[in-house]
Amino acid sequence: QVQLVESGGGLVQAGGSLRLSCAASRSILSFNTMGWYRQAPGKQRELVASVYSGGNTKYADSVKGRFTISRDSAKNTAYLQMNNLKSEDTAVYYCNAHIISTQTYNFWGQGTQVTVSS
């Protein structure tokens, strides 16, 4: 079992920045992927960014060049640096851990609200 706790959300003006953190309850070295998803009101949850255990990253087209995902194994934490925020980035952001061992596991955090005012 893995607990994920997000933090860093809040209210920011368009053009501003926020950094989200996702702290895991145990070592993230065994996590194949850590990712950030978001869900806006009335919309489906979508992948924002993911980072693989080898360090490769993947981004949604809508955030490329503005968001950066990273993971710090020493702190068991993943981050999402969000710059040049836009009103359409407003959503609840969720952290995800994807683990493949004898079975496949997906763990989710409780979510953190990001609101961008225009």
PDB file of N, CA and C in Angstrom:
ATOM      1  N   GLN A   1       0.843  -1.195   0.000  1.00  0.00           N
ATOM      2  CA  GLN A   1       0.000   0.000   0.000  1.00  0.00           C
ATOM      3  C   GLN A   1       0.873   1.237   0.000  1.00  0.00           C
ATOM      4  N   VAL A   2       0.449   2.251  -0.725  1.00  0.00           N
ATOM      5  CA  VAL A   2       1.190   3.506  -0.818  1.00  0.00           C
ATOM      6  C   VAL A   2       0.229   4.664  -0.600  1.00  0.00           C
ATOM      7  N   GLN A   3       0.614   5.576   0.271  1.00  0.00           N
ATOM      8  CA  GLN A   3      -0.143   6.820   0.429  1.00  0.00           C
ATOM      9  C   GLN A   3       0.608   7.937  -0.288  1.00  0.00           C
ATOM     10  N   LEU A   4      -0.152   8.736  -1.020  1.00  0.00           N
ATOM     11  CA  LEU A   4       0.395   9.891  -1.730  1.00  0.00           C
ATOM     12  C   LEU A   4      -0.292  11.148  -1.216  1.00  0.00           C
ATOM     13  N   VAL A   5       0.500  12.130  -0.844  1.00  0.00           N
ATOM     14  CA  VAL A   5      -0.063  13.371  -0.309  1.00  0.00           C
ATOM     15  C   VAL A   5       0.417  14.538  -1.162  1.00  0.00           C
ATOM     16  N   GLU A   6      -0.549  15.202  -1.817  1.00  0.00           N
ATOM     17  CA  GLU A   6      -0.212  16.358  -2.645  1.00  0.00           C
ATOM     18  C   GLU A   6      -0.257  17.643  -1.821  1.00  0.00           C
ATOM     19  N   SER A   7       0.506  18.610  -2.247  1.00  0.00           N
ATOM     20  CA  SER A   7       0.476  19.934  -1.639  1.00  0.00           C
ATOM     21  C   SER A   7       0.952  20.949  -2.672  1.00  0.00           C
ATOM     22  N   GLY A   8       0.710  22.225  -2.369  1.00  0.00           N
ATOM     23  CA  GLY A   8       1.223  23.279  -3.230  1.00  0.00           C
ATOM     24  C   GLY A   8       0.188  23.948  -4.112  1.00  0.00           C
ATOM     25  N   GLY A   9      -1.036  23.452  -4.101  1.00  0.00           N
ATOM     26  CA  GLY A   9      -2.069  24.095  -4.901  1.00  0.00           C
ATOM     27  C   GLY A   9      -2.483  25.431  -4.304  1.00  0.00           C
ATOM     28  N   GLY A  10      -3.315  26.154  -5.056  1.00  0.00           N
ATOM     29  CA  GLY A  10      -3.785  27.433  -4.560  1.00  0.00           C
ATOM     30  C   GLY A  10      -4.333  28.298  -5.669  1.00  0.00           C
ATOM     31  N   LEU A  11      -4.489  29.566  -5.345  1.00  0.00           N
ATOM     32  CA  LEU A  11      -5.018  30.556  -6.289  1.00  0.00           C
ATOM     33  C   LEU A  11      -3.860  31.405  -6.799  1.00  0.00           C
ATOM     34  N   VAL A  12      -3.780  31.550  -8.107  1.00  0.00           N
ATOM     35  CA  VAL A  12      -2.698  32.334  -8.706  1.00  0.00           C
ATOM     36  C   VAL A  12      -3.251  33.076  -9.915  1.00  0.00           C
ATOM     37  N   GLN A  13      -2.668  34.204 -10.217  1.00  0.00           N
ATOM     38  CA  GLN A  13      -3.087  34.959 -11.396  1.00  0.00           C
ATOM     39  C   GLN A  13      -2.490  34.348 -12.657  1.00  0.00           C
ATOM     40  N   ALA A  14      -3.159  34.578 -13.763  1.00  0.00           N
ATOM     41  CA  ALA A  14      -2.643  34.106 -15.044  1.00  0.00           C
ATOM     42  C   ALA A  14      -1.233  34.642 -15.262  1.00  0.00           C
ATOM     43  N   GLY A  15      -0.355  33.767 -15.759  1.00  0.00           N
ATOM     44  CA  GLY A  15       1.037  34.126 -15.938  1.00  0.00           C
ATOM     45  C   GLY A  15       1.920  33.774 -14.757  1.00  0.00           C
ATOM     46  N   GLY A  16       1.303  33.419 -13.648  1.00  0.00           N
ATOM     47  CA  GLY A  16       2.054  33.083 -12.452  1.00  0.00           C
ATOM     48  C   GLY A  16       2.533  31.645 -12.433  1.00  0.00           C
ATOM     49  N   SER A  17       3.118  31.260 -11.300  1.00  0.00           N
ATOM     50  CA  SER A  17       3.709  29.924 -11.161  1.00  0.00           C
ATOM     51  C   SER A  17       3.272  29.272  -9.852  1.00  0.00           C
ATOM     52  N   LEU A  18       3.255  27.957  -9.872  1.00  0.00           N
ATOM     53  CA  LEU A  18       3.045  27.149  -8.682  1.00  0.00           C
ATOM     54  C   LEU A  18       3.900  25.898  -8.795  1.00  0.00           C
ATOM     55  N   ARG A  19       4.275  25.335  -7.652  1.00  0.00           N
ATOM     56  CA  ARG A  19       4.960  24.045  -7.652  1.00  0.00           C
ATOM     57  C   ARG A  19       4.172  23.080  -6.786  1.00  0.00           C
ATOM     58  N   LEU A  20       3.725  22.006  -7.386  1.00  0.00           N
ATOM     59  CA  LEU A  20       3.017  20.961  -6.661  1.00  0.00           C
ATOM     60  C   LEU A  20       4.011  19.903  -6.197  1.00  0.00           C
ATOM     61  N   SER A  21       3.747  19.355  -5.020  1.00  0.00           N
ATOM     62  CA  SER A  21       4.562  18.273  -4.483  1.00  0.00           C
ATOM     63  C   SER A  21       3.683  17.066  -4.202  1.00  0.00           C
ATOM     64  N   CYS A  22       4.268  15.893  -4.361  1.00  0.00           N
ATOM     65  CA  CYS A  22       3.568  14.636  -4.071  1.00  0.00           C
ATOM     66  C   CYS A  22       4.505  13.773  -3.241  1.00  0.00           C
ATOM     67  N   ALA A  23       4.213  13.670  -1.960  1.00  0.00           N
ATOM     68  CA  ALA A  23       5.049  12.903  -1.045  1.00  0.00           C
ATOM     69  C   ALA A  23       4.492  11.493  -0.891  1.00  0.00           C
ATOM     70  N   ALA A  24       5.357  10.504  -1.104  1.00  0.00           N
ATOM     71  CA  ALA A  24       4.949   9.099  -0.994  1.00  0.00           C
ATOM     72  C   ALA A  24       5.311   8.557   0.377  1.00  0.00           C
ATOM     73  N   SER A  25       4.549   7.560   0.815  1.00  0.00           N
ATOM     74  CA  SER A  25       4.732   6.999   2.161  1.00  0.00           C
ATOM     75  C   SER A  25       5.894   6.012   2.229  1.00  0.00           C
ATOM     76  N   ARG A  26       6.441   5.656   1.078  1.00  0.00           N
ATOM     77  CA  ARG A  26       7.611   4.779   1.074  1.00  0.00           C
ATOM     78  C   ARG A  26       8.483   5.097  -0.126  1.00  0.00           C
ATOM     79  N   SER A  27       9.579   4.388  -0.241  1.00  0.00           N
ATOM     80  CA  SER A  27      10.532   4.649  -1.313  1.00  0.00           C
ATOM     81  C   SER A  27       9.870   4.598  -2.685  1.00  0.00           C
ATOM     82  N   ILE A  28      10.222   5.575  -3.522  1.00  0.00           N
ATOM     83  CA  ILE A  28       9.656   5.623  -4.867  1.00  0.00           C
ATOM     84  C   ILE A  28      10.558   4.933  -5.891  1.00  0.00           C
ATOM     85  N   LEU A  29      11.635   4.335  -5.420  1.00  0.00           N
ATOM     86  CA  LEU A  29      12.565   3.702  -6.361  1.00  0.00           C
ATOM     87  C   LEU A  29      11.897   2.585  -7.157  1.00  0.00           C
ATOM     88  N   SER A  30      10.929   1.924  -6.534  1.00  0.00           N
ATOM     89  CA  SER A  30      10.261   0.810  -7.211  1.00  0.00           C
ATOM     90  C   SER A  30       9.085   1.265  -8.064  1.00  0.00           C
ATOM     91  N   PHE A  31       8.793   2.564  -8.060  1.00  0.00           N
ATOM     92  CA  PHE A  31       7.657   3.070  -8.836  1.00  0.00           C
ATOM     93  C   PHE A  31       8.075   3.160 -10.299  1.00  0.00           C
ATOM     94  N   ASN A  32       7.367   2.488 -11.180  1.00  0.00           N
ATOM     95  CA  ASN A  32       7.707   2.545 -12.594  1.00  0.00           C
ATOM     96  C   ASN A  32       7.457   3.941 -13.162  1.00  0.00           C
ATOM     97  N   THR A  33       6.356   4.522 -12.733  1.00  0.00           N
ATOM     98  CA  THR A  33       5.992   5.853 -13.231  1.00  0.00           C
ATOM     99  C   THR A  33       5.340   6.645 -12.115  1.00  0.00           C
ATOM    100  N   MET A  34       5.639   7.923 -12.066  1.00  0.00           N
ATOM    101  CA  MET A  34       4.851   8.840 -11.243  1.00  0.00           C
ATOM    102  C   MET A  34       4.295   9.896 -12.186  1.00  0.00           C
ATOM    103  N   GLY A  35       3.049  10.245 -11.953  1.00  0.00           N
ATOM    104  CA  GLY A  35       2.420  11.181 -12.869  1.00  0.00           C
ATOM    105  C   GLY A  35       1.514  12.160 -12.174  1.00  0.00           C
ATOM    106  N   TRP A  36       1.203  13.213 -12.886  1.00  0.00           N
ATOM    107  CA  TRP A  36       0.220  14.204 -12.449  1.00  0.00           C
ATOM    108  C   TRP A  36      -0.921  14.203 -13.455  1.00  0.00           C
ATOM    109  N   TYR A  37      -2.121  14.117 -12.935  1.00  0.00           N
ATOM    110  CA  TYR A  37      -3.340  14.200 -13.715  1.00  0.00           C
ATOM    111  C   TYR A  37      -4.128  15.392 -13.207  1.00  0.00           C
ATOM    112  N   ARG A  38      -5.092  15.820 -14.008  1.00  0.00           N
ATOM    113  CA  ARG A  38      -5.974  16.890 -13.549  1.00  0.00           C
ATOM    114  C   ARG A  38      -7.384  16.652 -14.049  1.00  0.00           C
ATOM    115  N   GLN A  39      -8.316  17.205 -13.298  1.00  0.00           N
ATOM    116  CA  GLN A  39      -9.721  17.090 -13.668  1.00  0.00           C
ATOM    117  C   GLN A  39     -10.407  18.415 -13.410  1.00  0.00           C
ATOM    118  N   ALA A  40     -10.903  19.004 -14.483  1.00  0.00           N
ATOM    119  CA  ALA A  40     -11.656  20.248 -14.390  1.00  0.00           C
ATOM    120  C   ALA A  40     -13.143  19.906 -14.270  1.00  0.00           C
ATOM    121  N   PRO A  41     -13.941  20.815 -13.739  1.00  0.00           N
ATOM    122  CA  PRO A  41     -15.383  20.556 -13.592  1.00  0.00           C
ATOM    123  C   PRO A  41     -16.022  20.178 -14.918  1.00  0.00           C
ATOM    124  N   GLY A  42     -16.763  19.067 -14.908  1.00  0.00           N
ATOM    125  CA  GLY A  42     -17.460  18.634 -16.107  1.00  0.00           C
ATOM    126  C   GLY A  42     -16.591  17.958 -17.140  1.00  0.00           C
ATOM    127  N   LYS A  43     -15.320  17.739 -16.823  1.00  0.00           N
ATOM    128  CA  LYS A  43     -14.408  17.121 -17.775  1.00  0.00           C
ATOM    129  C   LYS A  43     -13.816  15.838 -17.209  1.00  0.00           C
ATOM    130  N   GLN A  44     -13.281  15.009 -18.097  1.00  0.00           N
ATOM    131  CA  GLN A  44     -12.640  13.789 -17.663  1.00  0.00           C
ATOM    132  C   GLN A  44     -11.251  14.086 -17.119  1.00  0.00           C
ATOM    133  N   ARG A  45     -10.785  13.184 -16.265  1.00  0.00           N
ATOM    134  CA  ARG A  45      -9.419  13.306 -15.752  1.00  0.00           C
ATOM    135  C   ARG A  45      -8.453  13.074 -16.920  1.00  0.00           C
ATOM    136  N   GLU A  46      -7.422  13.911 -16.986  1.00  0.00           N
ATOM    137  CA  GLU A  46      -6.462  13.797 -18.084  1.00  0.00           C
ATOM    138  C   GLU A  46      -5.036  13.793 -17.544  1.00  0.00           C
ATOM    139  N   LEU A  47      -4.162  13.131 -18.288  1.00  0.00           N
ATOM    140  CA  LEU A  47      -2.755  13.094 -17.928  1.00  0.00           C
ATOM    141  C   LEU A  47      -2.118  14.437 -18.254  1.00  0.00           C
ATOM    142  N   VAL A  48      -1.406  14.993 -17.287  1.00  0.00           N
ATOM    143  CA  VAL A  48      -0.683  16.245 -17.486  1.00  0.00           C
ATOM    144  C   VAL A  48       0.787  15.947 -17.798  1.00  0.00           C
ATOM    145  N   ALA A  49       1.406  15.136 -16.951  1.00  0.00           N
ATOM    146  CA  ALA A  49       2.821  14.828 -17.125  1.00  0.00           C
ATOM    147  C   ALA A  49       3.150  13.557 -16.357  1.00  0.00           C
ATOM    148  N   SER A  50       4.162  12.844 -16.847  1.00  0.00           N
ATOM    149  CA  SER A  50       4.611  11.659 -16.137  1.00  0.00           C
ATOM    150  C   SER A  50       6.129  11.562 -16.237  1.00  0.00           C
ATOM    151  N   VAL A  51       6.709  10.917 -15.231  1.00  0.00           N
ATOM    152  CA  VAL A  51       8.156  10.694 -15.209  1.00  0.00           C
ATOM    153  C   VAL A  51       8.399   9.227 -14.906  1.00  0.00           C
ATOM    154  N   TYR A  52       9.239   8.612 -15.726  1.00  0.00           N
ATOM    155  CA  TYR A  52       9.530   7.198 -15.586  1.00  0.00           C
ATOM    156  C   TYR A  52      10.722   6.984 -14.665  1.00  0.00           C
ATOM    157  N   SER A  53      10.879   5.760 -14.213  1.00  0.00           N
ATOM    158  CA  SER A  53      11.953   5.463 -13.267  1.00  0.00           C
ATOM    159  C   SER A  53      13.324   5.784 -13.850  1.00  0.00           C
ATOM    160  N   GLY A  54      13.470   5.698 -15.156  1.00  0.00           N
ATOM    161  CA  GLY A  54      14.746   6.013 -15.790  1.00  0.00           C
ATOM    162  C   GLY A  54      14.974   7.489 -16.018  1.00  0.00           C
ATOM    163  N   GLY A  55      13.935   8.291 -15.722  1.00  0.00           N
ATOM    164  CA  GLY A  55      14.063   9.735 -15.855  1.00  0.00           C
ATOM    165  C   GLY A  55      13.376  10.333 -17.068  1.00  0.00           C
ATOM    166  N   ASN A  56      12.952   9.493 -18.015  1.00  0.00           N
ATOM    167  CA  ASN A  56      12.225  10.036 -19.165  1.00  0.00           C
ATOM    168  C   ASN A  56      10.925  10.679 -18.719  1.00  0.00           C
ATOM    169  N   THR A  57      10.509  11.676 -19.466  1.00  0.00           N
ATOM    170  CA  THR A  57       9.288  12.400 -19.135  1.00  0.00           C
ATOM    171  C   THR A  57       8.348  12.461 -20.330  1.00  0.00           C
ATOM    172  N   LYS A  58       7.099  12.719 -20.010  1.00  0.00           N
ATOM    173  CA  LYS A  58       6.061  12.815 -21.034  1.00  0.00           C
ATOM    174  C   LYS A  58       5.102  13.917 -20.601  1.00  0.00           C
ATOM    175  N   TYR A  59       4.647  14.739 -21.571  1.00  0.00           N
ATOM    176  CA  TYR A  59       3.769  15.859 -21.253  1.00  0.00           C
ATOM    177  C   TYR A  59       2.580  15.915 -22.200  1.00  0.00           C
ATOM    178  N   ALA A  60       1.474  16.406 -21.680  1.00  0.00           N
ATOM    179  CA  ALA A  60       0.353  16.730 -22.539  1.00  0.00           C
ATOM    180  C   ALA A  60       0.757  17.916 -23.416  1.00  0.00           C
ATOM    181  N   ASP A  61       0.261  17.956 -24.632  1.00  0.00           N
ATOM    182  CA  ASP A  61       0.623  19.045 -25.548  1.00  0.00           C
ATOM    183  C   ASP A  61       0.294  20.414 -24.958  1.00  0.00           C
ATOM    184  N   SER A  62      -0.781  20.472 -24.197  1.00  0.00           N
ATOM    185  CA  SER A  62      -1.253  21.751 -23.674  1.00  0.00           C
ATOM    186  C   SER A  62      -0.320  22.360 -22.629  1.00  0.00           C
ATOM    187  N   VAL A  63       0.602  21.553 -22.078  1.00  0.00           N
ATOM    188  CA  VAL A  63       1.476  22.075 -21.027  1.00  0.00           C
ATOM    189  C   VAL A  63       2.950  22.051 -21.408  1.00  0.00           C
ATOM    190  N   LYS A  64       3.263  21.521 -22.573  1.00  0.00           N
ATOM    191  CA  LYS A  64       4.663  21.444 -23.005  1.00  0.00           C
ATOM    192  C   LYS A  64       5.281  22.838 -23.034  1.00  0.00           C
ATOM    193  N   GLY A  65       6.481  22.928 -22.479  1.00  0.00           N
ATOM    194  CA  GLY A  65       7.169  24.207 -22.445  1.00  0.00           C
ATOM    195  C   GLY A  65       6.809  25.077 -21.260  1.00  0.00           C
ATOM    196  N   ARG A  66       5.763  24.684 -20.518  1.00  0.00           N
ATOM    197  CA  ARG A  66       5.334  25.471 -19.351  1.00  0.00           C
ATOM    198  C   ARG A  66       5.485  24.693 -18.053  1.00  0.00           C
ATOM    199  N   PHE A  67       5.247  23.384 -18.107  1.00  0.00           N
ATOM    200  CA  PHE A  67       5.292  22.544 -16.907  1.00  0.00           C
ATOM    201  C   PHE A  67       6.521  21.640 -16.954  1.00  0.00           C
ATOM    202  N   THR A  68       7.056  21.337 -15.775  1.00  0.00           N
ATOM    203  CA  THR A  68       8.176  20.409 -15.659  1.00  0.00           C
ATOM    204  C   THR A  68       7.912  19.441 -14.525  1.00  0.00           C
ATOM    205  N   ILE A  69       7.998  18.152 -14.830  1.00  0.00           N
ATOM    206  CA  ILE A  69       7.822  17.123 -13.801  1.00  0.00           C
ATOM    207  C   ILE A  69       9.191  16.588 -13.405  1.00  0.00           C
ATOM    208  N   SER A  70       9.328  16.253 -12.128  1.00  0.00           N
ATOM    209  CA  SER A  70      10.575  15.674 -11.648  1.00  0.00           C
ATOM    210  C   SER A  70      10.274  14.770 -10.464  1.00  0.00           C
ATOM    211  N   ARG A  71      11.247  13.946 -10.112  1.00  0.00           N
ATOM    212  CA  ARG A  71      11.105  13.091  -8.937  1.00  0.00           C
ATOM    213  C   ARG A  71      12.424  13.077  -8.181  1.00  0.00           C
ATOM    214  N   ASP A  72      12.333  13.101  -6.863  1.00  0.00           N
ATOM    215  CA  ASP A  72      13.494  13.091  -5.987  1.00  0.00           C
ATOM    216  C   ASP A  72      13.411  11.830  -5.134  1.00  0.00           C
ATOM    217  N   SER A  73      14.214  10.850  -5.482  1.00  0.00           N
ATOM    218  CA  SER A  73      14.157   9.575  -4.763  1.00  0.00           C
ATOM    219  C   SER A  73      14.605   9.709  -3.317  1.00  0.00           C
ATOM    220  N   ALA A  74      15.501  10.625  -3.047  1.00  0.00           N
ATOM    221  CA  ALA A  74      15.982  10.810  -1.671  1.00  0.00           C
ATOM    222  C   ALA A  74      14.867  11.323  -0.758  1.00  0.00           C
ATOM    223  N   LYS A  75      13.931  12.069  -1.335  1.00  0.00           N
ATOM    224  CA  LYS A  75      12.825  12.621  -0.538  1.00  0.00           C
ATOM    225  C   LYS A  75      11.517  11.884  -0.788  1.00  0.00           C
ATOM    226  N   ASN A  76      11.541  10.862  -1.635  1.00  0.00           N
ATOM    227  CA  ASN A  76      10.318  10.109  -1.958  1.00  0.00           C
ATOM    228  C   ASN A  76       9.208  11.046  -2.427  1.00  0.00           C
ATOM    229  N   THR A  77       9.565  11.994  -3.266  1.00  0.00           N
ATOM    230  CA  THR A  77       8.638  13.040  -3.664  1.00  0.00           C
ATOM    231  C   THR A  77       8.737  13.310  -5.162  1.00  0.00           C
ATOM    232  N   ALA A  78       7.592  13.563  -5.761  1.00  0.00           N
ATOM    233  CA  ALA A  78       7.531  14.027  -7.138  1.00  0.00           C
ATOM    234  C   ALA A  78       7.024  15.461  -7.141  1.00  0.00           C
ATOM    235  N   TYR A  79       7.441  16.201  -8.162  1.00  0.00           N
ATOM    236  CA  TYR A  79       7.085  17.616  -8.238  1.00  0.00           C
ATOM    237  C   TYR A  79       6.502  17.936  -9.609  1.00  0.00           C
ATOM    238  N   LEU A  80       5.701  18.978  -9.635  1.00  0.00           N
ATOM    239  CA  LEU A  80       5.236  19.528 -10.907  1.00  0.00           C
ATOM    240  C   LEU A  80       5.403  21.040 -10.816  1.00  0.00           C
ATOM    241  N   GLN A  81       6.382  21.553 -11.530  1.00  0.00           N
ATOM    242  CA  GLN A  81       6.596  22.992 -11.606  1.00  0.00           C
ATOM    243  C   GLN A  81       5.739  23.524 -12.741  1.00  0.00           C
ATOM    244  N   MET A  82       4.875  24.469 -12.425  1.00  0.00           N
ATOM    245  CA  MET A  82       3.936  25.010 -13.408  1.00  0.00           C
ATOM    246  C   MET A  82       4.215  26.498 -13.578  1.00  0.00           C
ATOM    247  N   ASN A  83       4.608  26.887 -14.759  1.00  0.00           N
ATOM    248  CA  ASN A  83       4.902  28.281 -15.078  1.00  0.00           C
ATOM    249  C   ASN A  83       3.936  28.800 -16.128  1.00  0.00           C
ATOM    250  N   ASN A  84       3.839  30.109 -16.204  1.00  0.00           N
ATOM    251  CA  ASN A  84       2.967  30.755 -17.193  1.00  0.00           C
ATOM    252  C   ASN A  84       1.571  30.126 -17.177  1.00  0.00           C
ATOM    253  N   LEU A  85       1.002  30.066 -16.000  1.00  0.00           N
ATOM    254  CA  LEU A  85      -0.301  29.416 -15.839  1.00  0.00           C
ATOM    255  C   LEU A  85      -1.396  30.168 -16.572  1.00  0.00           C
ATOM    256  N   LYS A  86      -2.346  29.399 -17.086  1.00  0.00           N
ATOM    257  CA  LYS A  86      -3.471  29.949 -17.828  1.00  0.00           C
ATOM    258  C   LYS A  86      -4.764  29.550 -17.134  1.00  0.00           C
ATOM    259  N   SER A  87      -5.831  30.262 -17.441  1.00  0.00           N
ATOM    260  CA  SER A  87      -7.111  29.961 -16.790  1.00  0.00           C
ATOM    261  C   SER A  87      -7.551  28.531 -17.088  1.00  0.00           C
ATOM    262  N   GLU A  88      -7.197  28.021 -18.242  1.00  0.00           N
ATOM    263  CA  GLU A  88      -7.598  26.658 -18.586  1.00  0.00           C
ATOM    264  C   GLU A  88      -6.818  25.594 -17.820  1.00  0.00           C
ATOM    265  N   ASP A  89      -5.824  25.992 -17.041  1.00  0.00           N
ATOM    266  CA  ASP A  89      -5.120  25.053 -16.174  1.00  0.00           C
ATOM    267  C   ASP A  89      -5.862  24.830 -14.858  1.00  0.00           C
ATOM    268  N   THR A  90      -6.925  25.583 -14.632  1.00  0.00           N
ATOM    269  CA  THR A  90      -7.705  25.435 -13.412  1.00  0.00           C
ATOM    270  C   THR A  90      -8.310  24.042 -13.331  1.00  0.00           C
ATOM    271  N   ALA A  91      -8.024  23.337 -12.246  1.00  0.00           N
ATOM    272  CA  ALA A  91      -8.489  21.956 -12.086  1.00  0.00           C
ATOM    273  C   ALA A  91      -8.030  21.436 -10.726  1.00  0.00           C
ATOM    274  N   VAL A  92      -8.531  20.267 -10.374  1.00  0.00           N
ATOM    275  CA  VAL A  92      -7.957  19.520  -9.253  1.00  0.00           C
ATOM    276  C   VAL A  92      -6.842  18.641  -9.823  1.00  0.00           C
ATOM    277  N   TYR A  93      -5.668  18.727  -9.233  1.00  0.00           N
ATOM    278  CA  TYR A  93      -4.506  17.980  -9.703  1.00  0.00           C
ATOM    279  C   TYR A  93      -4.272  16.781  -8.783  1.00  0.00           C
ATOM    280  N   TYR A  94      -4.094  15.625  -9.398  1.00  0.00           N
ATOM    281  CA  TYR A  94      -3.914  14.383  -8.661  1.00  0.00           C
ATOM    282  C   TYR A  94      -2.551  13.763  -8.984  1.00  0.00           C
ATOM    283  N   CYS A  95      -1.916  13.247  -7.961  1.00  0.00           N
ATOM    284  CA  CYS A  95      -0.669  12.521  -8.132  1.00  0.00           C
ATOM    285  C   CYS A  95      -0.986  11.027  -8.296  1.00  0.00           C
ATOM    286  N   ASN A  96      -0.219  10.369  -9.140  1.00  0.00           N
ATOM    287  CA  ASN A  96      -0.413   8.939  -9.386  1.00  0.00           C
ATOM    288  C   ASN A  96       0.921   8.213  -9.316  1.00  0.00           C
ATOM    289  N   ALA A  97       0.883   7.020  -8.726  1.00  0.00           N
ATOM    290  CA  ALA A  97       2.049   6.132  -8.730  1.00  0.00           C
ATOM    291  C   ALA A  97       1.653   4.823  -9.405  1.00  0.00           C
ATOM    292  N   HIS A  98       2.431   4.435 -10.391  1.00  0.00           N
ATOM    293  CA  HIS A  98       2.153   3.218 -11.158  1.00  0.00           C
ATOM    294  C   HIS A  98       3.282   2.230 -10.891  1.00  0.00           C
ATOM    295  N   ILE A  99       2.908   1.051 -10.365  1.00  0.00           N
ATOM    296  CA  ILE A  99       3.905   0.076  -9.952  1.00  0.00           C
ATOM    297  C   ILE A  99       3.612  -1.248 -10.620  1.00  0.00           C
ATOM    298  N   ILE A 100       4.622  -1.813 -11.246  1.00  0.00           N
ATOM    299  CA  ILE A 100       4.471  -3.123 -11.881  1.00  0.00           C
ATOM    300  C   ILE A 100       5.388  -4.099 -11.173  1.00  0.00           C
ATOM    301  N   SER A 101       4.784  -5.090 -10.518  1.00  0.00           N
ATOM    302  CA  SER A 101       5.596  -6.160  -9.932  1.00  0.00           C
ATOM    303  C   SER A 101       4.959  -7.479 -10.368  1.00  0.00           C
ATOM    304  N   THR A 102       4.527  -8.293  -9.430  1.00  0.00           N
ATOM    305  CA  THR A 102       3.768  -9.492  -9.810  1.00  0.00           C
ATOM    306  C   THR A 102       2.379  -9.103 -10.285  1.00  0.00           C
ATOM    307  N   GLN A 103       1.904  -7.946  -9.845  1.00  0.00           N
ATOM    308  CA  GLN A 103       0.656  -7.348 -10.328  1.00  0.00           C
ATOM    309  C   GLN A 103       0.935  -5.889 -10.677  1.00  0.00           C
ATOM    310  N   THR A 104      -0.071  -5.273 -11.244  1.00  0.00           N
ATOM    311  CA  THR A 104       0.026  -3.841 -11.555  1.00  0.00           C
ATOM    312  C   THR A 104      -0.809  -3.063 -10.549  1.00  0.00           C
ATOM    313  N   TYR A 105      -0.215  -2.013  -9.996  1.00  0.00           N
ATOM    314  CA  TYR A 105      -0.886  -1.211  -8.984  1.00  0.00           C
ATOM    315  C   TYR A 105      -0.917   0.241  -9.433  1.00  0.00           C
ATOM    316  N   ASN A 106      -2.013   0.888  -9.105  1.00  0.00           N
ATOM    317  CA  ASN A 106      -2.139   2.333  -9.290  1.00  0.00           C
ATOM    318  C   ASN A 106      -2.611   2.954  -7.990  1.00  0.00           C
ATOM    319  N   PHE A 107      -1.864   3.917  -7.505  1.00  0.00           N
ATOM    320  CA  PHE A 107      -2.233   4.625  -6.289  1.00  0.00           C
ATOM    321  C   PHE A 107      -2.445   6.099  -6.617  1.00  0.00           C
ATOM    322  N   TRP A 108      -3.402   6.711  -5.910  1.00  0.00           N
ATOM    323  CA  TRP A 108      -3.765   8.103  -6.156  1.00  0.00           C
ATOM    324  C   TRP A 108      -3.718   8.911  -4.871  1.00  0.00           C
ATOM    325  N   GLY A 109      -3.356  10.168  -5.018  1.00  0.00           N
ATOM    326  CA  GLY A 109      -3.477  11.098  -3.910  1.00  0.00           C
ATOM    327  C   GLY A 109      -4.890  11.641  -3.840  1.00  0.00           C
ATOM    328  N   GLN A 110      -5.115  12.514  -2.862  1.00  0.00           N
ATOM    329  CA  GLN A 110      -6.460  13.040  -2.638  1.00  0.00           C
ATOM    330  C   GLN A 110      -6.775  14.240  -3.530  1.00  0.00           C
ATOM    331  N   GLY A 111      -5.755  14.797  -4.159  1.00  0.00           N
ATOM    332  CA  GLY A 111      -5.951  15.933  -5.065  1.00  0.00           C
ATOM    333  C   GLY A 111      -5.684  17.268  -4.393  1.00  0.00           C
ATOM    334  N   THR A 112      -5.250  18.212  -5.202  1.00  0.00           N
ATOM    335  CA  THR A 112      -5.032  19.576  -4.715  1.00  0.00           C
ATOM    336  C   THR A 112      -5.586  20.542  -5.763  1.00  0.00           C
ATOM    337  N   GLN A 113      -6.311  21.548  -5.308  1.00  0.00           N
ATOM    338  CA  GLN A 113      -6.977  22.477  -6.215  1.00  0.00           C
ATOM    339  C   GLN A 113      -6.005  23.541  -6.710  1.00  0.00           C
ATOM    340  N   VAL A 114      -6.011  23.752  -8.002  1.00  0.00           N
ATOM    341  CA  VAL A 114      -5.270  24.850  -8.624  1.00  0.00           C
ATOM    342  C   VAL A 114      -6.283  25.736  -9.341  1.00  0.00           C
ATOM    343  N   THR A 115      -6.311  27.004  -8.982  1.00  0.00           N
ATOM    344  CA  THR A 115      -7.224  27.951  -9.596  1.00  0.00           C
ATOM    345  C   THR A 115      -6.418  29.109 -10.167  1.00  0.00           C
ATOM    346  N   VAL A 116      -6.597  29.355 -11.451  1.00  0.00           N
ATOM    347  CA  VAL A 116      -5.882  30.430 -12.132  1.00  0.00           C
ATOM    348  C   VAL A 116      -6.889  31.496 -12.525  1.00  0.00           C
ATOM    349  N   SER A 117      -6.700  32.686 -12.000  1.00  0.00           N
ATOM    350  CA  SER A 117      -7.615  33.782 -12.306  1.00  0.00           C
ATOM    351  C   SER A 117      -7.069  34.600 -13.470  1.00  0.00           C
ATOM    352  N   SER A 118      -7.982  35.019 -14.323  1.00  0.00           N
ATOM    353  CA  SER A 118      -7.557  35.788 -15.510  1.00  0.00           C
ATOM    354  C   SER A 118      -7.702  37.281 -15.283  1.00  0.00           C
TER     355      SER A 118
END
